[in-house]
Amino acid sequence: MSTRSVIRFADWKMSPEAAAEAPKMVHELQCTTCCATSAPHEDFEIARDWAFQHVGRNPSHQGYRETVTRFWRMTLTS
């Protein structure tokens, strides 16, 4: 038995999700020394404050990785 598929070639545009009810961008920082992480938050300053508190308690923990979750929307343009 064979299956047949039709694929439609189309032009798409990708842009940040703009709907009012869409989730906001989320920031999270992770210490690269001990892997402790901030809570995910829409406000980067809150994640940044966590990093300042963490390095204050652990002066040798000077490296951090940011994870950003951003929501996107694909829109058919043709």
PDB file of N, CA and C in Angstrom:
ATOM      1  N   MET A   1       0.850  -1.176   0.000  1.00  0.00           N
ATOM      2  CA  MET A   1       0.000   0.000   0.000  1.00  0.00           C
ATOM      3  C   MET A   1       0.897   1.242   0.000  1.00  0.00           C
ATOM      4  N   SER A   2       0.613   2.178  -0.851  1.00  0.00           N
ATOM      5  CA  SER A   2       1.401   3.409  -0.907  1.00  0.00           C
ATOM      6  C   SER A   2       0.551   4.577  -0.437  1.00  0.00           C
ATOM      7  N   THR A   3       1.234   5.583   0.027  1.00  0.00           N
ATOM      8  CA  THR A   3       0.560   6.795   0.480  1.00  0.00           C
ATOM      9  C   THR A   3       1.011   7.933  -0.392  1.00  0.00           C
ATOM     10  N   ARG A   4       0.109   8.832  -0.650  1.00  0.00           N
ATOM     11  CA  ARG A   4       0.431   9.969  -1.498  1.00  0.00           C
ATOM     12  C   ARG A   4       0.225  11.247  -0.705  1.00  0.00           C
ATOM     13  N   SER A   5       1.180  12.167  -0.818  1.00  0.00           N
ATOM     14  CA  SER A   5       1.085  13.453  -0.124  1.00  0.00           C
ATOM     15  C   SER A   5       1.233  14.580  -1.123  1.00  0.00           C
ATOM     16  N   VAL A   6       0.518  15.641  -0.888  1.00  0.00           N
ATOM     17  CA  VAL A   6       0.656  16.845  -1.693  1.00  0.00           C
ATOM     18  C   VAL A   6       1.213  17.918  -0.772  1.00  0.00           C
ATOM     19  N   ILE A   7       2.318  18.501  -1.171  1.00  0.00           N
ATOM     20  CA  ILE A   7       2.933  19.567  -0.381  1.00  0.00           C
ATOM     21  C   ILE A   7       2.756  20.865  -1.145  1.00  0.00           C
ATOM     22  N   ARG A   8       2.194  21.835  -0.490  1.00  0.00           N
ATOM     23  CA  ARG A   8       1.986  23.147  -1.115  1.00  0.00           C
ATOM     24  C   ARG A   8       3.157  24.045  -0.759  1.00  0.00           C
ATOM     25  N   PHE A   9       3.829  24.540  -1.765  1.00  0.00           N
ATOM     26  CA  PHE A   9       4.905  25.488  -1.530  1.00  0.00           C
ATOM     27  C   PHE A   9       4.286  26.861  -1.355  1.00  0.00           C
ATOM     28  N   ALA A  10       4.681  27.536  -0.287  1.00  0.00           N
ATOM     29  CA  ALA A  10       4.101  28.835   0.023  1.00  0.00           C
ATOM     30  C   ALA A  10       5.161  29.706   0.680  1.00  0.00           C
ATOM     31  N   ASP A  11       4.909  30.984   0.689  1.00  0.00           N
ATOM     32  CA  ASP A  11       5.797  31.924   1.360  1.00  0.00           C
ATOM     33  C   ASP A  11       5.255  32.188   2.754  1.00  0.00           C
ATOM     34  N   TRP A  12       6.123  32.073   3.721  1.00  0.00           N
ATOM     35  CA  TRP A  12       5.764  32.302   5.121  1.00  0.00           C
ATOM     36  C   TRP A  12       6.624  33.405   5.702  1.00  0.00           C
ATOM     37  N   LYS A  13       6.073  34.096   6.662  1.00  0.00           N
ATOM     38  CA  LYS A  13       6.815  35.128   7.392  1.00  0.00           C
ATOM     39  C   LYS A  13       6.789  34.729   8.868  1.00  0.00           C
ATOM     40  N   MET A  14       7.920  34.887   9.531  1.00  0.00           N
ATOM     41  CA  MET A  14       8.017  34.577  10.950  1.00  0.00           C
ATOM     42  C   MET A  14       8.256  35.872  11.709  1.00  0.00           C
ATOM     43  N   SER A  15       7.450  36.125  12.737  1.00  0.00           N
ATOM     44  CA  SER A  15       7.612  37.348  13.524  1.00  0.00           C
ATOM     45  C   SER A  15       7.248  37.062  14.974  1.00  0.00           C
ATOM     46  N   PRO A  16       7.739  37.889  15.888  1.00  0.00           N
ATOM     47  CA  PRO A  16       7.388  37.689  17.293  1.00  0.00           C
ATOM     48  C   PRO A  16       5.865  37.718  17.466  1.00  0.00           C
ATOM     49  N   GLU A  17       5.368  36.868  18.329  1.00  0.00           N
ATOM     50  CA  GLU A  17       3.926  36.807  18.594  1.00  0.00           C
ATOM     51  C   GLU A  17       3.466  38.145  19.155  1.00  0.00           C
ATOM     52  N   ALA A  18       2.457  38.733  18.523  1.00  0.00           N
ATOM     53  CA  ALA A  18       2.001  40.071  18.910  1.00  0.00           C
ATOM     54  C   ALA A  18       0.598  40.080  19.511  1.00  0.00           C
ATOM     55  N   ALA A  19      -0.058  38.940  19.555  1.00  0.00           N
ATOM     56  CA  ALA A  19      -1.422  38.899  20.095  1.00  0.00           C
ATOM     57  C   ALA A  19      -1.409  39.343  21.556  1.00  0.00           C
ATOM     58  N   ALA A  20      -2.424  40.082  21.942  1.00  0.00           N
ATOM     59  CA  ALA A  20      -2.495  40.615  23.311  1.00  0.00           C
ATOM     60  C   ALA A  20      -2.452  39.506  24.356  1.00  0.00           C
ATOM     61  N   GLU A  21      -3.042  38.360  24.050  1.00  0.00           N
ATOM     62  CA  GLU A  21      -3.092  37.267  25.027  1.00  0.00           C
ATOM     63  C   GLU A  21      -1.859  36.358  24.982  1.00  0.00           C
ATOM     64  N   ALA A  22      -0.923  36.634  24.089  1.00  0.00           N
ATOM     65  CA  ALA A  22       0.276  35.809  23.956  1.00  0.00           C
ATOM     66  C   ALA A  22       1.184  35.962  25.173  1.00  0.00           C
ATOM     67  N   PRO A  23       1.879  34.897  25.534  1.00  0.00           N
ATOM     68  CA  PRO A  23       2.832  35.009  26.648  1.00  0.00           C
ATOM     69  C   PRO A  23       3.940  35.998  26.308  1.00  0.00           C
ATOM     70  N   LYS A  24       4.437  36.659  27.302  1.00  0.00           N
ATOM     71  CA  LYS A  24       5.553  37.586  27.128  1.00  0.00           C
ATOM     72  C   LYS A  24       6.858  36.797  27.053  1.00  0.00           C
ATOM     73  N   MET A  25       7.908  37.446  26.604  1.00  0.00           N
ATOM     74  CA  MET A  25       9.233  36.847  26.583  1.00  0.00           C
ATOM     75  C   MET A  25       9.647  36.549  28.030  1.00  0.00           C
ATOM     76  N   VAL A  26      10.317  35.413  28.252  1.00  0.00           N
ATOM     77  CA  VAL A  26      10.712  34.986  29.592  1.00  0.00           C
ATOM     78  C   VAL A  26      12.233  34.876  29.649  1.00  0.00           C
ATOM     79  N   HIS A  27      12.828  35.396  30.733  1.00  0.00           N
ATOM     80  CA  HIS A  27      14.284  35.360  30.942  1.00  0.00           C
ATOM     81  C   HIS A  27      14.605  34.467  32.134  1.00  0.00           C
ATOM     82  N   GLU A  28      15.708  33.735  32.009  1.00  0.00           N
ATOM     83  CA  GLU A  28      16.191  32.909  33.108  1.00  0.00           C
ATOM     84  C   GLU A  28      17.710  32.926  33.044  1.00  0.00           C
ATOM     85  N   LEU A  29      18.358  33.085  34.190  1.00  0.00           N
ATOM     86  CA  LEU A  29      19.820  33.065  34.242  1.00  0.00           C
ATOM     87  C   LEU A  29      20.286  31.833  35.002  1.00  0.00           C
ATOM     88  N   GLN A  30      21.383  31.245  34.513  1.00  0.00           N
ATOM     89  CA  GLN A  30      21.948  30.067  35.153  1.00  0.00           C
ATOM     90  C   GLN A  30      23.416  30.317  35.443  1.00  0.00           C
ATOM     91  N   CYS A  31      23.832  30.011  36.666  1.00  0.00           N
ATOM     92  CA  CYS A  31      25.243  30.111  37.049  1.00  0.00           C
ATOM     93  C   CYS A  31      25.998  28.998  36.334  1.00  0.00           C
ATOM     94  N   THR A  32      27.072  29.339  35.617  1.00  0.00           N
ATOM     95  CA  THR A  32      27.840  28.325  34.891  1.00  0.00           C
ATOM     96  C   THR A  32      28.822  27.588  35.798  1.00  0.00           C
ATOM     97  N   THR A  33      28.933  28.013  37.055  1.00  0.00           N
ATOM     98  CA  THR A  33      29.808  27.320  38.002  1.00  0.00           C
ATOM     99  C   THR A  33      29.067  26.182  38.705  1.00  0.00           C
ATOM    100  N   CYS A  34      27.861  26.482  39.235  1.00  0.00           N
ATOM    101  CA  CYS A  34      27.141  25.478  40.024  1.00  0.00           C
ATOM    102  C   CYS A  34      25.804  25.065  39.418  1.00  0.00           C
ATOM    103  N   CYS A  35      25.425  25.669  38.307  1.00  0.00           N
ATOM    104  CA  CYS A  35      24.178  25.374  37.588  1.00  0.00           C
ATOM    105  C   CYS A  35      22.910  25.816  38.324  1.00  0.00           C
ATOM    106  N   ALA A  36      23.032  26.612  39.391  1.00  0.00           N
ATOM    107  CA  ALA A  36      21.847  27.182  40.034  1.00  0.00           C
ATOM    108  C   ALA A  36      21.180  28.119  39.036  1.00  0.00           C
ATOM    109  N   THR A  37      19.854  28.212  39.104  1.00  0.00           N
ATOM    110  CA  THR A  37      19.143  29.058  38.157  1.00  0.00           C
ATOM    111  C   THR A  37      18.174  30.000  38.860  1.00  0.00           C
ATOM    112  N   SER A  38      17.975  31.131  38.237  1.00  0.00           N
ATOM    113  CA  SER A  38      16.949  32.063  38.699  1.00  0.00           C
ATOM    114  C   SER A  38      15.589  31.497  38.326  1.00  0.00           C
ATOM    115  N   ALA A  39      14.566  32.041  38.909  1.00  0.00           N
ATOM    116  CA  ALA A  39      13.219  31.691  38.463  1.00  0.00           C
ATOM    117  C   ALA A  39      12.991  32.347  37.111  1.00  0.00           C
ATOM    118  N   PRO A  40      12.275  31.692  36.203  1.00  0.00           N
ATOM    119  CA  PRO A  40      11.957  32.343  34.932  1.00  0.00           C
ATOM    120  C   PRO A  40      11.038  33.537  35.196  1.00  0.00           C
ATOM    121  N   HIS A  41      11.307  34.638  34.512  1.00  0.00           N
ATOM    122  CA  HIS A  41      10.494  35.835  34.733  1.00  0.00           C
ATOM    123  C   HIS A  41      10.423  36.677  33.472  1.00  0.00           C
ATOM    124  N   GLU A  42       9.303  37.353  33.288  1.00  0.00           N
ATOM    125  CA  GLU A  42       9.149  38.245  32.135  1.00  0.00           C
ATOM    126  C   GLU A  42      10.037  39.474  32.251  1.00  0.00           C
ATOM    127  N   ASP A  43      10.362  39.877  33.461  1.00  0.00           N
ATOM    128  CA  ASP A  43      11.181  41.067  33.707  1.00  0.00           C
ATOM    129  C   ASP A  43      12.641  40.648  33.870  1.00  0.00           C
ATOM    130  N   PHE A  44      13.489  41.010  32.897  1.00  0.00           N
ATOM    131  CA  PHE A  44      14.902  40.633  32.958  1.00  0.00           C
ATOM    132  C   PHE A  44      15.561  41.123  34.243  1.00  0.00           C
ATOM    133  N   GLU A  45      15.154  42.276  34.725  1.00  0.00           N
ATOM    134  CA  GLU A  45      15.794  42.852  35.916  1.00  0.00           C
ATOM    135  C   GLU A  45      15.656  41.926  37.130  1.00  0.00           C
ATOM    136  N   ILE A  46      14.569  41.198  37.227  1.00  0.00           N
ATOM    137  CA  ILE A  46      14.387  40.273  38.353  1.00  0.00           C
ATOM    138  C   ILE A  46      15.379  39.116  38.246  1.00  0.00           C
ATOM    139  N   ALA A  47      15.559  38.568  37.043  1.00  0.00           N
ATOM    140  CA  ALA A  47      16.556  37.512  36.839  1.00  0.00           C
ATOM    141  C   ALA A  47      17.958  38.057  37.095  1.00  0.00           C
ATOM    142  N   ARG A  48      18.218  39.279  36.652  1.00  0.00           N
ATOM    143  CA  ARG A  48      19.524  39.898  36.868  1.00  0.00           C
ATOM    144  C   ARG A  48      19.792  40.114  38.351  1.00  0.00           C
ATOM    145  N   ASP A  49      18.787  40.562  39.089  1.00  0.00           N
ATOM    146  CA  ASP A  49      18.953  40.746  40.537  1.00  0.00           C
ATOM    147  C   ASP A  49      19.328  39.433  41.218  1.00  0.00           C
ATOM    148  N   TRP A  50      18.738  38.328  40.755  1.00  0.00           N
ATOM    149  CA  TRP A  50      19.098  37.022  41.304  1.00  0.00           C
ATOM    150  C   TRP A  50      20.592  36.757  41.098  1.00  0.00           C
ATOM    151  N   ALA A  51      21.108  37.067  39.898  1.00  0.00           N
ATOM    152  CA  ALA A  51      22.529  36.835  39.609  1.00  0.00           C
ATOM    153  C   ALA A  51      23.425  37.673  40.525  1.00  0.00           C
ATOM    154  N   PHE A  52      23.040  38.924  40.781  1.00  0.00           N
ATOM    155  CA  PHE A  52      23.825  39.758  41.699  1.00  0.00           C
ATOM    156  C   PHE A  52      23.809  39.181  43.109  1.00  0.00           C
ATOM    157  N   GLN A  53      22.666  38.683  43.547  1.00  0.00           N
ATOM    158  CA  GLN A  53      22.584  38.074  44.880  1.00  0.00           C
ATOM    159  C   GLN A  53      23.419  36.798  44.927  1.00  0.00           C
ATOM    160  N   HIS A  54      23.366  36.013  43.858  1.00  0.00           N
ATOM    161  CA  HIS A  54      24.110  34.751  43.808  1.00  0.00           C
ATOM    162  C   HIS A  54      25.620  34.996  43.855  1.00  0.00           C
ATOM    163  N   VAL A  55      26.109  35.934  43.052  1.00  0.00           N
ATOM    164  CA  VAL A  55      27.548  36.209  43.064  1.00  0.00           C
ATOM    165  C   VAL A  55      27.964  36.847  44.386  1.00  0.00           C
ATOM    166  N   GLY A  56      27.061  37.585  45.025  1.00  0.00           N
ATOM    167  CA  GLY A  56      27.354  38.157  46.334  1.00  0.00           C
ATOM    168  C   GLY A  56      27.577  37.084  47.385  1.00  0.00           C
ATOM    169  N   ARG A  57      26.809  35.992  47.298  1.00  0.00           N
ATOM    170  CA  ARG A  57      26.965  34.876  48.238  1.00  0.00           C
ATOM    171  C   ARG A  57      28.074  33.920  47.813  1.00  0.00           C
ATOM    172  N   ASN A  58      28.422  33.947  46.520  1.00  0.00           N
ATOM    173  CA  ASN A  58      29.413  33.021  45.957  1.00  0.00           C
ATOM    174  C   ASN A  58      30.346  33.797  45.034  1.00  0.00           C
ATOM    175  N   PRO A  59      31.308  34.546  45.577  1.00  0.00           N
ATOM    176  CA  PRO A  59      32.131  35.449  44.767  1.00  0.00           C
ATOM    177  C   PRO A  59      32.892  34.787  43.609  1.00  0.00           C
ATOM    178  N   SER A  60      33.134  33.491  43.690  1.00  0.00           N
ATOM    179  CA  SER A  60      33.851  32.838  42.587  1.00  0.00           C
ATOM    180  C   SER A  60      32.912  32.431  41.447  1.00  0.00           C
ATOM    181  N   HIS A  61      31.605  32.595  41.609  1.00  0.00           N
ATOM    182  CA  HIS A  61      30.623  32.217  40.584  1.00  0.00           C
ATOM    183  C   HIS A  61      30.346  33.438  39.700  1.00  0.00           C
ATOM    184  N   GLN A  62      31.211  33.660  38.727  1.00  0.00           N
ATOM    185  CA  GLN A  62      31.158  34.891  37.942  1.00  0.00           C
ATOM    186  C   GLN A  62      30.588  34.729  36.540  1.00  0.00           C
ATOM    187  N   GLY A  63      30.309  33.515  36.112  1.00  0.00           N
ATOM    188  CA  GLY A  63      29.772  33.297  34.766  1.00  0.00           C
ATOM    189  C   GLY A  63      28.307  32.913  34.804  1.00  0.00           C
ATOM    190  N   TYR A  64      27.525  33.446  33.852  1.00  0.00           N
ATOM    191  CA  TYR A  64      26.084  33.178  33.801  1.00  0.00           C
ATOM    192  C   TYR A  64      25.639  32.976  32.363  1.00  0.00           C
ATOM    193  N   ARG A  65      24.663  32.124  32.184  1.00  0.00           N
ATOM    194  CA  ARG A  65      24.080  31.843  30.875  1.00  0.00           C
ATOM    195  C   ARG A  65      22.627  32.296  30.912  1.00  0.00           C
ATOM    196  N   GLU A  66      22.215  33.039  29.913  1.00  0.00           N
ATOM    197  CA  GLU A  66      20.814  33.470  29.849  1.00  0.00           C
ATOM    198  C   GLU A  66      20.050  32.555  28.894  1.00  0.00           C
ATOM    199  N   THR A  67      18.871  32.140  29.314  1.00  0.00           N
ATOM    200  CA  THR A  67      17.938  31.424  28.448  1.00  0.00           C
ATOM    201  C   THR A  67      16.738  32.340  28.264  1.00  0.00           C
ATOM    202  N   VAL A  68      16.416  32.604  27.017  1.00  0.00           N
ATOM    203  CA  VAL A  68      15.274  33.459  26.696  1.00  0.00           C
ATOM    204  C   VAL A  68      14.245  32.601  25.964  1.00  0.00           C
ATOM    205  N   THR A  69      13.019  32.660  26.427  1.00  0.00           N
ATOM    206  CA  THR A  69      11.920  31.993  25.740  1.00  0.00           C
ATOM    207  C   THR A  69      11.079  33.081  25.101  1.00  0.00           C
ATOM    208  N   ARG A  70      11.039  33.050  23.783  1.00  0.00           N
ATOM    209  CA  ARG A  70      10.299  34.046  23.017  1.00  0.00           C
ATOM    210  C   ARG A  70       9.303  33.292  22.133  1.00  0.00           C
ATOM    211  N   PHE A  71       8.113  33.786  22.030  1.00  0.00           N
ATOM    212  CA  PHE A  71       7.068  33.127  21.268  1.00  0.00           C
ATOM    213  C   PHE A  71       6.957  33.779  19.887  1.00  0.00           C
ATOM    214  N   TRP A  72       6.809  32.933  18.875  1.00  0.00           N
ATOM    215  CA  TRP A  72       6.811  33.385  17.487  1.00  0.00           C
ATOM    216  C   TRP A  72       5.532  32.964  16.783  1.00  0.00           C
ATOM    217  N   ARG A  73       5.212  33.648  15.710  1.00  0.00           N
ATOM    218  CA  ARG A  73       4.026  33.363  14.908  1.00  0.00           C
ATOM    219  C   ARG A  73       4.439  33.237  13.439  1.00  0.00           C
ATOM    220  N   MET A  74       3.990  32.190  12.788  1.00  0.00           N
ATOM    221  CA  MET A  74       4.204  32.016  11.347  1.00  0.00           C
ATOM    222  C   MET A  74       2.941  32.497  10.629  1.00  0.00           C
ATOM    223  N   THR A  75       3.120  33.305   9.596  1.00  0.00           N
ATOM    224  CA  THR A  75       2.006  33.853   8.842  1.00  0.00           C
ATOM    225  C   THR A  75       2.199  33.575   7.365  1.00  0.00           C
ATOM    226  N   LEU A  76       1.181  33.030   6.760  1.00  0.00           N
ATOM    227  CA  LEU A  76       1.219  32.769   5.330  1.00  0.00           C
ATOM    228  C   LEU A  76       1.153  34.089   4.593  1.00  0.00           C
ATOM    229  N   THR A  77       2.088  34.341   3.687  1.00  0.00           N
ATOM    230  CA  THR A  77       2.134  35.649   2.999  1.00  0.00           C
ATOM    231  C   THR A  77       1.592  35.583   1.577  1.00  0.00           C
ATOM    232  N   SER A  78       1.369  34.381   1.049  1.00  0.00           N
ATOM    233  CA  SER A  78       0.841  34.318  -0.325  1.00  0.00           C
ATOM    234  C   SER A  78      -0.314  33.345  -0.413  1.00  0.00           C
TER     235      SER A  78
END
